[in-house]
Amino acid sequence: MIRRYIERVQKNGYGTVLKATLAGVDRLKKSGKGPVVLKCTEAIASADDEIHEREQKVCDRIRKAVT
């Protein structure tokens, strides 16, 4: 799944993929899985023991969308 996401980013661009991903947030909210997705995203972002500014912005956008 992560591999496909990365491939879509490389093919379509980061902004396009992020926008499409966030468009599906309503389904996450209804399913109650939003916090799980946020936790996984934060884990990926901090995998190198540092959350970079751009990674933090993504996490913040997801947090805002699912809460």
N, C-alpha and C. Protein backbone atom coordinates (compact mmCIF):
# COMPACT_ATOMS: atom_id res chain seq x y z
N MET A 1 0.82 -1.18 0.00
CA MET A 1 0.00 0.00 0.00
C MET A 1 0.88 1.26 0.00
N ILE A 2 1.88 1.31 0.84
CA ILE A 2 2.77 2.46 0.87
C ILE A 2 3.50 2.59 -0.45
N ARG A 3 3.90 1.46 -1.01
CA ARG A 3 4.60 1.48 -2.30
C ARG A 3 3.72 2.11 -3.37
N ARG A 4 2.44 1.73 -3.40
CA ARG A 4 1.52 2.31 -4.40
C ARG A 4 1.36 3.81 -4.18
N TYR A 5 1.30 4.22 -2.91
CA TYR A 5 1.18 5.64 -2.60
C TYR A 5 2.39 6.40 -3.13
N ILE A 6 3.56 5.87 -2.86
CA ILE A 6 4.79 6.51 -3.33
C ILE A 6 4.82 6.57 -4.85
N GLU A 7 4.40 5.50 -5.50
CA GLU A 7 4.36 5.48 -6.97
C GLU A 7 3.40 6.54 -7.49
N ARG A 8 2.25 6.71 -6.83
CA ARG A 8 1.29 7.75 -7.26
C ARG A 8 1.89 9.14 -7.08
N VAL A 9 2.61 9.34 -5.98
CA VAL A 9 3.25 10.64 -5.75
C VAL A 9 4.26 10.92 -6.85
N GLN A 10 5.06 9.92 -7.19
CA GLN A 10 6.07 10.10 -8.23
C GLN A 10 5.42 10.36 -9.59
N LYS A 11 4.31 9.70 -9.85
CA LYS A 11 3.64 9.84 -11.15
C LYS A 11 2.81 11.12 -11.25
N ASN A 12 2.03 11.42 -10.19
CA ASN A 12 1.06 12.51 -10.25
C ASN A 12 1.44 13.76 -9.48
N GLY A 13 2.45 13.67 -8.64
CA GLY A 13 2.86 14.81 -7.84
C GLY A 13 2.29 14.76 -6.44
N TYR A 14 3.06 15.25 -5.50
CA TYR A 14 2.71 15.21 -4.08
C TYR A 14 1.38 15.91 -3.79
N GLY A 15 1.23 17.12 -4.28
CA GLY A 15 0.02 17.90 -4.00
C GLY A 15 -1.24 17.24 -4.50
N THR A 16 -1.19 16.67 -5.68
CA THR A 16 -2.35 15.99 -6.26
C THR A 16 -2.74 14.78 -5.44
N VAL A 17 -1.76 13.99 -5.04
CA VAL A 17 -2.04 12.78 -4.27
C VAL A 17 -2.54 13.13 -2.87
N LEU A 18 -1.94 14.12 -2.24
CA LEU A 18 -2.38 14.53 -0.91
C LEU A 18 -3.82 15.02 -0.96
N LYS A 19 -4.14 15.81 -1.95
CA LYS A 19 -5.50 16.34 -2.10
C LYS A 19 -6.50 15.20 -2.27
N ALA A 20 -6.18 14.23 -3.09
CA ALA A 20 -7.06 13.08 -3.31
C ALA A 20 -7.20 12.25 -2.04
N THR A 21 -6.12 12.11 -1.31
CA THR A 21 -6.15 11.34 -0.06
C THR A 21 -7.05 12.02 0.96
N LEU A 22 -6.89 13.31 1.10
CA LEU A 22 -7.69 14.05 2.07
C LEU A 22 -9.17 14.09 1.68
N ALA A 23 -9.45 13.95 0.39
CA ALA A 23 -10.85 13.93 -0.06
C ALA A 23 -11.59 12.71 0.48
N GLY A 24 -10.86 11.65 0.79
CA GLY A 24 -11.49 10.44 1.33
C GLY A 24 -11.60 10.43 2.84
N VAL A 25 -11.31 11.54 3.47
CA VAL A 25 -11.29 11.60 4.94
C VAL A 25 -12.68 11.39 5.53
N ASP A 26 -13.72 11.81 4.86
CA ASP A 26 -15.08 11.61 5.39
C ASP A 26 -15.34 10.14 5.68
N ARG A 27 -14.88 9.28 4.78
CA ARG A 27 -15.06 7.85 5.00
C ARG A 27 -14.32 7.40 6.25
N LEU A 28 -13.14 7.96 6.46
CA LEU A 28 -12.38 7.62 7.67
C LEU A 28 -13.10 8.08 8.93
N LYS A 29 -13.63 9.27 8.89
CA LYS A 29 -14.35 9.79 10.05
C LYS A 29 -15.54 8.91 10.37
N LYS A 30 -16.29 8.53 9.35
CA LYS A 30 -17.47 7.69 9.56
C LYS A 30 -17.11 6.30 10.07
N SER A 31 -15.97 5.79 9.65
CA SER A 31 -15.56 4.45 10.06
C SER A 31 -14.90 4.45 11.43
N GLY A 32 -14.50 5.63 11.90
CA GLY A 32 -13.82 5.72 13.18
C GLY A 32 -12.34 5.36 13.10
N LYS A 33 -11.81 5.22 11.90
CA LYS A 33 -10.41 4.81 11.71
C LYS A 33 -9.46 5.98 11.52
N GLY A 34 -9.95 7.20 11.55
CA GLY A 34 -9.11 8.37 11.35
C GLY A 34 -7.92 8.43 12.30
N PRO A 35 -8.14 8.22 13.61
CA PRO A 35 -7.00 8.25 14.53
C PRO A 35 -5.95 7.18 14.22
N VAL A 36 -6.38 6.04 13.72
CA VAL A 36 -5.43 4.98 13.36
C VAL A 36 -4.57 5.43 12.18
N VAL A 37 -5.20 6.02 11.19
CA VAL A 37 -4.46 6.52 10.02
C VAL A 37 -3.48 7.60 10.45
N LEU A 38 -3.93 8.49 11.32
CA LEU A 38 -3.05 9.55 11.81
C LEU A 38 -1.85 8.96 12.55
N LYS A 39 -2.09 7.99 13.41
CA LYS A 39 -1.00 7.38 14.17
C LYS A 39 0.00 6.70 13.23
N CYS A 40 -0.50 6.01 12.21
CA CYS A 40 0.39 5.36 11.24
C CYS A 40 1.19 6.39 10.45
N THR A 41 0.54 7.47 10.05
CA THR A 41 1.22 8.53 9.30
C THR A 41 2.32 9.16 10.15
N GLU A 42 2.01 9.40 11.42
CA GLU A 42 3.02 9.96 12.31
C GLU A 42 4.19 8.99 12.50
N ALA A 43 3.90 7.70 12.57
CA ALA A 43 4.96 6.70 12.73
C ALA A 43 5.88 6.69 11.50
N ILE A 44 5.29 6.78 10.32
CA ILE A 44 6.09 6.81 9.09
C ILE A 44 6.92 8.09 9.04
N ALA A 45 6.28 9.21 9.39
CA ALA A 45 6.99 10.50 9.35
C ALA A 45 8.16 10.54 10.32
N SER A 46 8.05 9.85 11.43
CA SER A 46 9.11 9.90 12.44
C SER A 46 10.06 8.71 12.36
N ALA A 47 9.96 7.92 11.31
CA ALA A 47 10.79 6.72 11.18
C ALA A 47 12.28 7.02 11.21
N ASP A 48 12.66 8.20 10.78
CA ASP A 48 14.08 8.57 10.81
C ASP A 48 14.42 9.38 12.06
N ASP A 49 13.56 9.25 13.08
CA ASP A 49 13.73 9.92 14.37
C ASP A 49 13.64 11.44 14.29
N GLU A 50 13.05 11.93 13.22
CA GLU A 50 12.87 13.37 13.07
C GLU A 50 11.66 13.61 12.18
N ILE A 51 10.79 14.49 12.62
CA ILE A 51 9.65 14.87 11.78
C ILE A 51 9.99 16.20 11.14
N HIS A 52 10.15 16.18 9.83
CA HIS A 52 10.51 17.38 9.08
C HIS A 52 9.28 18.28 8.92
N GLU A 53 9.50 19.50 8.57
CA GLU A 53 8.42 20.49 8.48
C GLU A 53 7.30 20.02 7.55
N ARG A 54 7.67 19.52 6.40
CA ARG A 54 6.66 19.08 5.43
C ARG A 54 5.87 17.88 5.96
N GLU A 55 6.56 16.97 6.63
CA GLU A 55 5.89 15.83 7.23
C GLU A 55 4.93 16.29 8.32
N GLN A 56 5.36 17.26 9.11
CA GLN A 56 4.51 17.78 10.18
C GLN A 56 3.25 18.43 9.60
N LYS A 57 3.41 19.12 8.49
CA LYS A 57 2.25 19.76 7.85
C LYS A 57 1.24 18.71 7.40
N VAL A 58 1.73 17.60 6.85
CA VAL A 58 0.83 16.53 6.43
C VAL A 58 0.10 15.96 7.65
N CYS A 59 0.84 15.67 8.70
CA CYS A 59 0.22 15.15 9.92
C CYS A 59 -0.81 16.12 10.48
N ASP A 60 -0.48 17.40 10.48
CA ASP A 60 -1.42 18.41 10.97
C ASP A 60 -2.70 18.46 10.13
N ARG A 61 -2.54 18.34 8.82
CA ARG A 61 -3.72 18.35 7.94
C ARG A 61 -4.60 17.14 8.18
N ILE A 62 -3.98 16.00 8.36
CA ILE A 62 -4.76 14.79 8.63
C ILE A 62 -5.44 14.90 9.99
N ARG A 63 -4.70 15.36 11.00
CA ARG A 63 -5.27 15.53 12.34
C ARG A 63 -6.48 16.45 12.28
N LYS A 64 -6.35 17.55 11.60
CA LYS A 64 -7.46 18.52 11.50
C LYS A 64 -8.65 17.88 10.77
N ALA A 65 -8.38 17.08 9.76
CA ALA A 65 -9.46 16.50 8.97
C ALA A 65 -10.21 15.40 9.71
N VAL A 66 -9.54 14.66 10.58
CA VAL A 66 -10.19 13.51 11.21
C VAL A 66 -10.73 13.82 12.60
N THR A 67 -10.47 15.02 13.12
CA THR A 67 -10.98 15.34 14.44
C THR A 67 -12.16 16.27 14.36
